[in-house]
Amino acid sequence: MFTRKECLKRYGSDYIIRQHVAAGDLFRLDKHIYSEEKNVPELAVIAFKYPHAAVTMHTAFYLHGMTDTIPDEYDLATDRNATKIQDPKVKQYFLPADLFPLGMEKMNYKGYDILVYGKERMLIELLRYKSKVPYDYYKELILNYRRLMPRLNIQKIRTYAQAAPRSDRILETLQTEVL
């Protein structure tokens, strides 16, 4: 994928870019976003459009295979001081600056790199937003985490839990419901 600026460097002018689009050599995916491939996953376009945001919550649970429920919108986490994302397909979560980068990983999604929180971090997010998640969905995720627990890094989970607001409540819930 390319930004308009990158396309201008590559092709020289908007006129030539439009000619390549008309010829089918280049495809306009979104405003100022182009690709040489016709079919690019929408999540890859959104991740490219918002490179300083990480995929979180329902979208991340789906990407990690923790649920088969396809999310209606894309959940992205940003720093608390970031600009509001105006895209109606995106639900934005504002996180404190010290918590935002913890557990962020690059994931290859259908050939495109996207930033997503790892499974350990997503367990902490699930516990943080427990009251805002439907009960059946929460139970499904907790059961999947119990099965997955031997393969997770417990030290990372504890580190992320201690960095989160209300860490004592999160650690207690972690101990009683997951471990």
N, C-alpha and C. Protein backbone atom coordinates (compact mmCIF):
# COMPACT_ATOMS: atom_id res chain seq x y z
N MET A 1 0.84 -1.18 0.00
CA MET A 1 0.00 0.00 0.00
C MET A 1 0.89 1.24 0.00
N PHE A 2 0.34 2.30 -0.55
CA PHE A 2 1.08 3.55 -0.67
C PHE A 2 0.20 4.72 -0.28
N THR A 3 0.81 5.73 0.28
CA THR A 3 0.11 6.99 0.53
C THR A 3 0.15 7.80 -0.77
N ARG A 4 -0.63 8.84 -0.83
CA ARG A 4 -0.62 9.73 -1.99
C ARG A 4 0.78 10.32 -2.19
N LYS A 5 1.40 10.69 -1.07
CA LYS A 5 2.75 11.28 -1.12
C LYS A 5 3.74 10.30 -1.76
N GLU A 6 3.67 9.03 -1.36
CA GLU A 6 4.55 8.01 -1.93
C GLU A 6 4.26 7.80 -3.42
N CYS A 7 2.98 7.84 -3.78
CA CYS A 7 2.61 7.71 -5.19
C CYS A 7 3.11 8.88 -6.01
N LEU A 8 3.07 10.08 -5.44
CA LEU A 8 3.58 11.25 -6.15
C LEU A 8 5.08 11.12 -6.42
N LYS A 9 5.82 10.60 -5.43
CA LYS A 9 7.26 10.38 -5.62
C LYS A 9 7.50 9.33 -6.72
N ARG A 10 6.66 8.33 -6.71
CA ARG A 10 6.82 7.21 -7.63
C ARG A 10 6.40 7.56 -9.06
N TYR A 11 5.25 8.22 -9.19
CA TYR A 11 4.68 8.49 -10.52
C TYR A 11 4.85 9.93 -11.00
N GLY A 12 5.09 10.86 -10.11
CA GLY A 12 5.36 12.23 -10.52
C GLY A 12 4.22 13.22 -10.40
N SER A 13 2.98 12.81 -10.70
CA SER A 13 1.87 13.76 -10.62
C SER A 13 0.55 13.04 -10.38
N ASP A 14 -0.46 13.81 -9.93
CA ASP A 14 -1.79 13.26 -9.73
C ASP A 14 -2.39 12.75 -11.04
N TYR A 15 -2.08 13.45 -12.13
CA TYR A 15 -2.59 13.06 -13.45
C TYR A 15 -2.13 11.64 -13.81
N ILE A 16 -0.85 11.37 -13.60
CA ILE A 16 -0.30 10.04 -13.93
C ILE A 16 -0.86 8.99 -12.96
N ILE A 17 -1.05 9.36 -11.71
CA ILE A 17 -1.66 8.44 -10.74
C ILE A 17 -3.05 8.07 -11.23
N ARG A 18 -3.85 9.06 -11.64
CA ARG A 18 -5.21 8.79 -12.14
C ARG A 18 -5.17 7.91 -13.39
N GLN A 19 -4.17 8.10 -14.25
CA GLN A 19 -4.04 7.26 -15.43
C GLN A 19 -3.78 5.80 -15.05
N HIS A 20 -2.91 5.58 -14.06
CA HIS A 20 -2.63 4.22 -13.60
C HIS A 20 -3.86 3.60 -12.95
N VAL A 21 -4.62 4.40 -12.23
CA VAL A 21 -5.86 3.90 -11.63
C VAL A 21 -6.84 3.51 -12.74
N ALA A 22 -6.99 4.35 -13.75
CA ALA A 22 -7.89 4.08 -14.87
C ALA A 22 -7.46 2.83 -15.65
N ALA A 23 -6.15 2.63 -15.77
CA ALA A 23 -5.63 1.48 -16.50
C ALA A 23 -5.72 0.18 -15.70
N GLY A 24 -5.95 0.29 -14.40
CA GLY A 24 -6.04 -0.91 -13.56
C GLY A 24 -4.71 -1.38 -13.01
N ASP A 25 -3.67 -0.55 -13.13
CA ASP A 25 -2.35 -0.89 -12.57
C ASP A 25 -2.26 -0.51 -11.09
N LEU A 26 -3.10 0.42 -10.70
CA LEU A 26 -3.10 0.96 -9.35
C LEU A 26 -4.55 1.08 -8.91
N PHE A 27 -4.80 0.80 -7.63
CA PHE A 27 -6.17 0.85 -7.12
C PHE A 27 -6.26 1.82 -5.96
N ARG A 28 -7.28 2.64 -5.98
CA ARG A 28 -7.52 3.60 -4.89
C ARG A 28 -8.38 2.88 -3.85
N LEU A 29 -7.82 2.67 -2.67
CA LEU A 29 -8.50 1.94 -1.61
C LEU A 29 -9.31 2.85 -0.69
N ASP A 30 -8.79 4.04 -0.48
CA ASP A 30 -9.41 5.01 0.41
C ASP A 30 -8.81 6.36 0.03
N LYS A 31 -9.27 7.39 0.69
CA LYS A 31 -8.72 8.71 0.39
C LYS A 31 -7.22 8.70 0.66
N HIS A 32 -6.44 8.99 -0.37
CA HIS A 32 -4.98 9.07 -0.30
C HIS A 32 -4.30 7.74 0.00
N ILE A 33 -4.98 6.61 -0.21
CA ILE A 33 -4.37 5.29 -0.01
C ILE A 33 -4.55 4.48 -1.29
N TYR A 34 -3.43 3.98 -1.81
CA TYR A 34 -3.42 3.24 -3.07
C TYR A 34 -2.71 1.91 -2.88
N SER A 35 -3.01 0.98 -3.79
CA SER A 35 -2.35 -0.32 -3.76
C SER A 35 -2.24 -0.86 -5.18
N GLU A 36 -1.25 -1.72 -5.40
CA GLU A 36 -1.13 -2.39 -6.68
C GLU A 36 -1.98 -3.65 -6.70
N GLU A 37 -2.53 -4.03 -5.55
CA GLU A 37 -3.42 -5.18 -5.46
C GLU A 37 -4.86 -4.69 -5.36
N LYS A 38 -5.74 -5.39 -6.05
CA LYS A 38 -7.14 -4.96 -6.09
C LYS A 38 -7.86 -5.25 -4.77
N ASN A 39 -7.66 -6.45 -4.26
CA ASN A 39 -8.39 -6.87 -3.06
C ASN A 39 -7.50 -6.83 -1.83
N VAL A 40 -7.62 -5.78 -1.08
CA VAL A 40 -6.87 -5.62 0.16
C VAL A 40 -7.88 -5.68 1.31
N PRO A 41 -7.62 -6.50 2.33
CA PRO A 41 -8.57 -6.58 3.45
C PRO A 41 -8.79 -5.21 4.10
N GLU A 42 -10.04 -4.97 4.48
CA GLU A 42 -10.39 -3.68 5.08
C GLU A 42 -9.59 -3.40 6.35
N LEU A 43 -9.35 -4.42 7.14
CA LEU A 43 -8.56 -4.23 8.37
C LEU A 43 -7.13 -3.78 8.04
N ALA A 44 -6.56 -4.31 6.97
CA ALA A 44 -5.21 -3.89 6.57
C ALA A 44 -5.20 -2.43 6.15
N VAL A 45 -6.25 -1.99 5.46
CA VAL A 45 -6.35 -0.59 5.05
C VAL A 45 -6.48 0.30 6.28
N ILE A 46 -7.30 -0.11 7.23
CA ILE A 46 -7.49 0.68 8.46
C ILE A 46 -6.20 0.75 9.26
N ALA A 47 -5.49 -0.37 9.35
CA ALA A 47 -4.21 -0.39 10.08
C ALA A 47 -3.18 0.50 9.38
N PHE A 48 -3.20 0.55 8.06
CA PHE A 48 -2.30 1.41 7.30
C PHE A 48 -2.68 2.88 7.49
N LYS A 49 -3.97 3.13 7.51
CA LYS A 49 -4.49 4.50 7.65
C LYS A 49 -4.18 5.08 9.04
N TYR A 50 -4.19 4.23 10.06
CA TYR A 50 -3.93 4.66 11.44
C TYR A 50 -2.72 3.88 11.99
N PRO A 51 -1.51 4.21 11.54
CA PRO A 51 -0.33 3.41 11.91
C PRO A 51 0.08 3.50 13.37
N HIS A 52 -0.44 4.49 14.10
CA HIS A 52 -0.07 4.63 15.52
C HIS A 52 -1.14 4.07 16.44
N ALA A 53 -2.05 3.28 15.89
CA ALA A 53 -3.11 2.65 16.68
C ALA A 53 -2.88 1.14 16.68
N ALA A 54 -3.32 0.48 17.74
CA ALA A 54 -3.19 -0.97 17.86
C ALA A 54 -4.58 -1.59 17.89
N VAL A 55 -4.72 -2.73 17.23
CA VAL A 55 -5.99 -3.46 17.24
C VAL A 55 -6.18 -4.02 18.64
N THR A 56 -7.39 -3.86 19.17
CA THR A 56 -7.69 -4.29 20.53
C THR A 56 -9.09 -4.89 20.61
N MET A 57 -9.49 -5.27 21.77
CA MET A 57 -10.81 -5.78 22.15
C MET A 57 -11.36 -6.81 21.15
N HIS A 58 -12.61 -6.65 20.71
CA HIS A 58 -13.30 -7.69 19.94
C HIS A 58 -12.53 -8.07 18.68
N THR A 59 -11.96 -7.09 18.01
CA THR A 59 -11.21 -7.36 16.79
C THR A 59 -9.97 -8.20 17.10
N ALA A 60 -9.26 -7.87 18.17
CA ALA A 60 -8.06 -8.63 18.55
C ALA A 60 -8.43 -10.04 19.00
N PHE A 61 -9.51 -10.18 19.77
CA PHE A 61 -9.94 -11.52 20.20
C PHE A 61 -10.24 -12.39 18.97
N TYR A 62 -10.88 -11.81 17.98
CA TYR A 62 -11.19 -12.53 16.75
C TYR A 62 -9.90 -12.90 16.00
N LEU A 63 -8.97 -11.97 15.87
CA LEU A 63 -7.72 -12.23 15.15
C LEU A 63 -6.88 -13.31 15.84
N HIS A 64 -6.93 -13.35 17.17
CA HIS A 64 -6.17 -14.36 17.92
C HIS A 64 -6.88 -15.70 17.99
N GLY A 65 -8.07 -15.80 17.41
CA GLY A 65 -8.82 -17.05 17.41
C GLY A 65 -9.47 -17.38 18.75
N MET A 66 -9.67 -16.38 19.57
CA MET A 66 -10.28 -16.60 20.89
C MET A 66 -11.80 -16.67 20.80
N THR A 67 -12.36 -16.20 19.69
CA THR A 67 -13.79 -16.25 19.47
C THR A 67 -14.03 -16.35 17.96
N ASP A 68 -15.20 -16.86 17.60
CA ASP A 68 -15.55 -16.91 16.18
C ASP A 68 -16.58 -15.84 15.83
N THR A 69 -16.87 -14.96 16.79
CA THR A 69 -17.79 -13.86 16.58
C THR A 69 -17.07 -12.75 15.80
N ILE A 70 -17.56 -12.47 14.61
CA ILE A 70 -16.95 -11.43 13.78
C ILE A 70 -17.42 -10.07 14.28
N PRO A 71 -16.50 -9.18 14.62
CA PRO A 71 -16.90 -7.88 15.16
C PRO A 71 -17.58 -7.00 14.10
N ASP A 72 -18.50 -6.16 14.55
CA ASP A 72 -19.22 -5.24 13.65
C ASP A 72 -18.37 -4.05 13.26
N GLU A 73 -17.44 -3.68 14.14
CA GLU A 73 -16.57 -2.54 13.87
C GLU A 73 -15.15 -2.91 14.28
N TYR A 74 -14.20 -2.10 13.88
CA TYR A 74 -12.80 -2.35 14.20
C TYR A 74 -12.44 -1.59 15.47
N ASP A 75 -11.93 -2.31 16.46
CA ASP A 75 -11.53 -1.70 17.73
C ASP A 75 -10.05 -1.34 17.67
N LEU A 76 -9.76 -0.05 17.84
CA LEU A 76 -8.38 0.43 17.83
C LEU A 76 -8.09 1.18 19.11
N ALA A 77 -6.92 0.92 19.67
CA ALA A 77 -6.47 1.63 20.87
C ALA A 77 -5.44 2.67 20.45
N THR A 78 -5.55 3.85 21.07
CA THR A 78 -4.58 4.91 20.83
C THR A 78 -4.18 5.51 22.17
N ASP A 79 -3.13 6.31 22.12
CA ASP A 79 -2.71 7.06 23.29
C ASP A 79 -3.84 8.03 23.66
N ARG A 80 -3.96 8.31 24.93
CA ARG A 80 -5.02 9.19 25.42
C ARG A 80 -4.99 10.57 24.75
N ASN A 81 -3.81 11.03 24.36
CA ASN A 81 -3.67 12.36 23.75
C ASN A 81 -3.82 12.35 22.22
N ALA A 82 -4.14 11.21 21.64
CA ALA A 82 -4.28 11.11 20.19
C ALA A 82 -5.56 11.81 19.71
N THR A 83 -5.56 12.16 18.46
CA THR A 83 -6.73 12.77 17.83
C THR A 83 -7.83 11.72 17.69
N LYS A 84 -9.06 12.16 17.81
CA LYS A 84 -10.19 11.25 17.66
C LYS A 84 -10.26 10.75 16.22
N ILE A 85 -10.46 9.45 16.07
CA ILE A 85 -10.61 8.85 14.75
C ILE A 85 -12.06 9.04 14.32
N GLN A 86 -12.26 9.65 13.16
CA GLN A 86 -13.60 10.00 12.69
C GLN A 86 -14.24 8.92 11.81
N ASP A 87 -13.61 7.80 11.65
CA ASP A 87 -14.12 6.73 10.80
C ASP A 87 -15.26 6.00 11.51
N PRO A 88 -16.45 5.90 10.88
CA PRO A 88 -17.57 5.22 11.54
C PRO A 88 -17.37 3.71 11.70
N LYS A 89 -16.40 3.12 11.00
CA LYS A 89 -16.12 1.69 11.12
C LYS A 89 -15.20 1.38 12.29
N VAL A 90 -14.71 2.43 12.96
CA VAL A 90 -13.71 2.26 14.02
C VAL A 90 -14.27 2.70 15.36
N LYS A 91 -14.06 1.84 16.37
CA LYS A 91 -14.35 2.22 17.75
C LYS A 91 -12.99 2.44 18.40
N GLN A 92 -12.80 3.63 18.95
CA GLN A 92 -11.49 4.01 19.49
C GLN A 92 -11.48 3.90 21.00
N TYR A 93 -10.40 3.34 21.53
CA TYR A 93 -10.17 3.25 22.97
C TYR A 93 -8.96 4.13 23.29
N PHE A 94 -9.14 5.10 24.18
CA PHE A 94 -8.05 5.98 24.58
C PHE A 94 -7.40 5.40 25.83
N LEU A 95 -6.10 5.16 25.77
CA LEU A 95 -5.38 4.54 26.88
C LEU A 95 -4.32 5.48 27.44
N PRO A 96 -4.01 5.35 28.73
CA PRO A 96 -2.93 6.15 29.31
C PRO A 96 -1.61 5.88 28.58
N ALA A 97 -0.77 6.90 28.50
CA ALA A 97 0.49 6.81 27.73
C ALA A 97 1.39 5.66 28.20
N ASP A 98 1.42 5.38 29.51
CA ASP A 98 2.29 4.32 30.00
C ASP A 98 1.72 2.92 29.71
N LEU A 99 0.42 2.80 29.56
CA LEU A 99 -0.21 1.50 29.30
C LEU A 99 -0.32 1.20 27.81
N PHE A 100 -0.41 2.22 26.99
CA PHE A 100 -0.65 2.05 25.55
C PHE A 100 0.35 1.12 24.85
N PRO A 101 1.67 1.27 25.00
CA PRO A 101 2.59 0.42 24.22
C PRO A 101 2.78 -1.00 24.77
N LEU A 102 2.34 -1.28 25.98
CA LEU A 102 2.58 -2.59 26.59
C LEU A 102 1.85 -3.71 25.84
N GLY A 103 2.59 -4.72 25.44
CA GLY A 103 1.99 -5.90 24.81
C GLY A 103 1.67 -5.75 23.33
N MET A 104 2.15 -4.67 22.72
CA MET A 104 1.88 -4.44 21.31
C MET A 104 2.78 -5.34 20.47
N GLU A 105 2.21 -5.99 19.46
CA GLU A 105 2.95 -6.89 18.59
C GLU A 105 2.57 -6.62 17.14
N LYS A 106 3.47 -6.99 16.23
CA LYS A 106 3.12 -6.97 14.81
C LYS A 106 2.57 -8.34 14.46
N MET A 107 1.47 -8.34 13.72
CA MET A 107 0.86 -9.59 13.29
C MET A 107 0.72 -9.54 11.77
N ASN A 108 1.00 -10.65 11.12
CA ASN A 108 0.80 -10.72 9.69
C ASN A 108 -0.65 -11.15 9.45
N TYR A 109 -1.44 -10.25 8.87
CA TYR A 109 -2.84 -10.52 8.60
C TYR A 109 -3.05 -10.53 7.09
N LYS A 110 -3.22 -11.73 6.55
CA LYS A 110 -3.45 -11.92 5.11
C LYS A 110 -2.38 -11.21 4.26
N GLY A 111 -1.13 -11.30 4.73
CA GLY A 111 -0.02 -10.72 3.99
C GLY A 111 0.31 -9.29 4.33
N TYR A 112 -0.37 -8.69 5.29
CA TYR A 112 -0.14 -7.29 5.68
C TYR A 112 0.18 -7.24 7.16
N ASP A 113 1.17 -6.42 7.53
CA ASP A 113 1.54 -6.25 8.93
C ASP A 113 0.60 -5.25 9.60
N ILE A 114 0.07 -5.65 10.75
CA ILE A 114 -0.77 -4.76 11.55
C ILE A 114 -0.30 -4.81 13.00
N LEU A 115 -0.52 -3.73 13.73
CA LEU A 115 -0.21 -3.70 15.16
C LEU A 115 -1.42 -4.23 15.93
N VAL A 116 -1.18 -5.16 16.81
CA VAL A 116 -2.25 -5.76 17.60
C VAL A 116 -1.69 -6.09 18.98
N TYR A 117 -2.54 -6.04 19.98
CA TYR A 117 -2.10 -6.46 21.32
C TYR A 117 -2.06 -7.98 21.37
N GLY A 118 -1.03 -8.51 22.06
CA GLY A 118 -0.87 -9.95 22.20
C GLY A 118 -1.93 -10.57 23.11
N LYS A 119 -1.96 -11.88 23.14
CA LYS A 119 -2.98 -12.60 23.93
C LYS A 119 -2.90 -12.27 25.41
N GLU A 120 -1.67 -12.14 25.93
CA GLU A 120 -1.52 -11.83 27.35
C GLU A 120 -2.11 -10.46 27.67
N ARG A 121 -1.81 -9.49 26.83
CA ARG A 121 -2.34 -8.14 27.05
C ARG A 121 -3.86 -8.13 26.89
N MET A 122 -4.37 -8.90 25.94
CA MET A 122 -5.82 -8.92 25.71
C MET A 122 -6.57 -9.54 26.89
N LEU A 123 -5.93 -10.44 27.61
CA LEU A 123 -6.55 -10.97 28.83
C LEU A 123 -6.76 -9.85 29.84
N ILE A 124 -5.78 -8.99 29.99
CA ILE A 124 -5.89 -7.85 30.91
C ILE A 124 -6.99 -6.90 30.43
N GLU A 125 -7.05 -6.65 29.11
CA GLU A 125 -8.10 -5.77 28.57
C GLU A 125 -9.48 -6.37 28.81
N LEU A 126 -9.60 -7.68 28.68
CA LEU A 126 -10.88 -8.35 28.94
C LEU A 126 -11.31 -8.14 30.38
N LEU A 127 -10.36 -8.27 31.30
CA LEU A 127 -10.68 -8.09 32.72
C LEU A 127 -10.96 -6.62 33.04
N ARG A 128 -10.28 -5.70 32.37
CA ARG A 128 -10.53 -4.27 32.59
C ARG A 128 -11.93 -3.87 32.14
N TYR A 129 -12.37 -4.42 31.02
CA TYR A 129 -13.66 -4.04 30.44
C TYR A 129 -14.74 -5.09 30.69
N LYS A 130 -14.57 -5.88 31.72
CA LYS A 130 -15.49 -6.98 32.04
C LYS A 130 -16.94 -6.53 32.08
N SER A 131 -17.21 -5.42 32.70
CA SER A 131 -18.60 -4.96 32.86
C SER A 131 -19.20 -4.42 31.57
N LYS A 132 -18.36 -4.14 30.56
CA LYS A 132 -18.86 -3.58 29.30
C LYS A 132 -18.98 -4.64 28.20
N VAL A 133 -18.65 -5.88 28.52
CA VAL A 133 -18.69 -6.97 27.56
C VAL A 133 -19.89 -7.86 27.89
N PRO A 134 -20.67 -8.29 26.88
CA PRO A 134 -21.80 -9.19 27.17
C PRO A 134 -21.34 -10.43 27.94
N TYR A 135 -22.16 -10.88 28.87
CA TYR A 135 -21.80 -11.97 29.77
C TYR A 135 -21.41 -13.24 29.02
N ASP A 136 -22.21 -13.66 28.04
CA ASP A 136 -21.92 -14.90 27.30
C ASP A 136 -20.58 -14.79 26.55
N TYR A 137 -20.33 -13.64 25.98
CA TYR A 137 -19.08 -13.40 25.26
C TYR A 137 -17.90 -13.47 26.23
N TYR A 138 -18.06 -12.84 27.40
CA TYR A 138 -17.02 -12.85 28.43
C TYR A 138 -16.71 -14.29 28.85
N LYS A 139 -17.75 -15.08 29.10
CA LYS A 139 -17.56 -16.47 29.53
C LYS A 139 -16.84 -17.29 28.45
N GLU A 140 -17.21 -17.07 27.18
CA GLU A 140 -16.56 -17.78 26.08
C GLU A 140 -15.06 -17.46 26.07
N LEU A 141 -14.72 -16.20 26.22
CA LEU A 141 -13.31 -15.80 26.20
C LEU A 141 -12.55 -16.33 27.41
N ILE A 142 -13.17 -16.27 28.59
CA ILE A 142 -12.51 -16.78 29.80
C ILE A 142 -12.24 -18.28 29.68
N LEU A 143 -13.20 -19.03 29.16
CA LEU A 143 -12.99 -20.48 28.97
C LEU A 143 -11.85 -20.74 27.98
N ASN A 144 -11.79 -19.96 26.92
CA ASN A 144 -10.69 -20.12 25.96
C ASN A 144 -9.35 -19.76 26.59
N TYR A 145 -9.32 -18.74 27.43
CA TYR A 145 -8.08 -18.38 28.13
C TYR A 145 -7.66 -19.47 29.11
N ARG A 146 -8.61 -20.09 29.79
CA ARG A 146 -8.26 -21.19 30.72
C ARG A 146 -7.58 -22.33 29.97
N ARG A 147 -8.09 -22.66 28.78
CA ARG A 147 -7.49 -23.72 27.96
C ARG A 147 -6.10 -23.33 27.46
N LEU A 148 -5.93 -22.04 27.19
CA LEU A 148 -4.69 -21.53 26.61
C LEU A 148 -3.62 -21.20 27.67
N MET A 149 -4.01 -21.13 28.92
CA MET A 149 -3.13 -20.65 29.99
C MET A 149 -1.76 -21.33 30.05
N PRO A 150 -1.63 -22.65 29.87
CA PRO A 150 -0.28 -23.25 29.93
C PRO A 150 0.69 -22.71 28.88
N ARG A 151 0.18 -22.16 27.79
CA ARG A 151 1.04 -21.64 26.72
C ARG A 151 1.27 -20.14 26.81
N LEU A 152 0.66 -19.47 27.77
CA LEU A 152 0.83 -18.03 27.91
C LEU A 152 1.96 -17.70 28.87
N ASN A 153 2.52 -16.51 28.75
CA ASN A 153 3.59 -16.05 29.60
C ASN A 153 2.97 -15.37 30.83
N ILE A 154 2.98 -16.06 31.96
CA ILE A 154 2.35 -15.57 33.19
C ILE A 154 3.02 -14.29 33.68
N GLN A 155 4.33 -14.19 33.51
CA GLN A 155 5.04 -12.99 33.97
C GLN A 155 4.58 -11.75 33.19
N LYS A 156 4.39 -11.89 31.88
CA LYS A 156 3.88 -10.78 31.08
C LYS A 156 2.49 -10.37 31.57
N ILE A 157 1.65 -11.36 31.84
CA ILE A 157 0.29 -11.07 32.31
C ILE A 157 0.34 -10.28 33.61
N ARG A 158 1.16 -10.70 34.54
CA ARG A 158 1.28 -9.98 35.82
C ARG A 158 1.83 -8.56 35.62
N THR A 159 2.82 -8.42 34.74
CA THR A 159 3.39 -7.09 34.47
C THR A 159 2.32 -6.16 33.89
N TYR A 160 1.57 -6.65 32.92
CA TYR A 160 0.51 -5.83 32.31
C TYR A 160 -0.59 -5.50 33.31
N ALA A 161 -0.92 -6.47 34.16
CA ALA A 161 -1.97 -6.24 35.16
C ALA A 161 -1.53 -5.17 36.16
N GLN A 162 -0.28 -5.21 36.57
CA GLN A 162 0.21 -4.23 37.54
C GLN A 162 0.31 -2.83 36.95
N ALA A 163 0.49 -2.73 35.64
CA ALA A 163 0.58 -1.43 34.98
C ALA A 163 -0.80 -0.81 34.74
N ALA A 164 -1.83 -1.63 34.75
CA ALA A 164 -3.18 -1.15 34.45
C ALA A 164 -3.80 -0.43 35.65
N PRO A 165 -4.70 0.51 35.38
CA PRO A 165 -5.44 1.15 36.47
C PRO A 165 -6.25 0.09 37.24
N ARG A 166 -6.39 0.27 38.53
CA ARG A 166 -7.11 -0.68 39.41
C ARG A 166 -6.50 -2.07 39.32
N SER A 167 -5.19 -2.14 39.38
CA SER A 167 -4.48 -3.40 39.20
C SER A 167 -4.85 -4.45 40.26
N ASP A 168 -5.13 -4.02 41.49
CA ASP A 168 -5.49 -4.99 42.53
C ASP A 168 -6.77 -5.74 42.17
N ARG A 169 -7.75 -5.04 41.61
CA ARG A 169 -9.01 -5.68 41.20
C ARG A 169 -8.78 -6.63 40.03
N ILE A 170 -7.93 -6.23 39.10
CA ILE A 170 -7.63 -7.07 37.93
C ILE A 170 -6.89 -8.34 38.36
N LEU A 171 -5.90 -8.19 39.26
CA LEU A 171 -5.15 -9.35 39.74
C LEU A 171 -6.05 -10.31 40.51
N GLU A 172 -6.97 -9.78 41.30
CA GLU A 172 -7.92 -10.62 42.04
C GLU A 172 -8.82 -11.40 41.08
N THR A 173 -9.37 -10.71 40.09
CA THR A 173 -10.23 -11.37 39.10
C THR A 173 -9.44 -12.41 38.31
N LEU A 174 -8.22 -12.08 37.96
CA LEU A 174 -7.34 -13.01 37.25
C LEU A 174 -7.14 -14.29 38.07
N GLN A 175 -6.87 -14.12 39.34
CA GLN A 175 -6.64 -15.26 40.23
C GLN A 175 -7.89 -16.13 40.40
N THR A 176 -9.05 -15.50 40.57
CA THR A 176 -10.27 -16.25 40.85
C THR A 176 -10.94 -16.84 39.61
N GLU A 177 -10.84 -16.16 38.46
CA GLU A 177 -11.58 -16.61 37.29
C GLU A 177 -10.76 -17.30 36.21
N VAL A 178 -9.46 -17.06 36.18
CA VAL A 178 -8.67 -17.60 35.08
C VAL A 178 -7.64 -18.63 35.54
N LEU A 179 -6.81 -18.27 36.52
CA LEU A 179 -5.70 -19.16 36.93
C LEU A 179 -6.14 -20.33 37.75
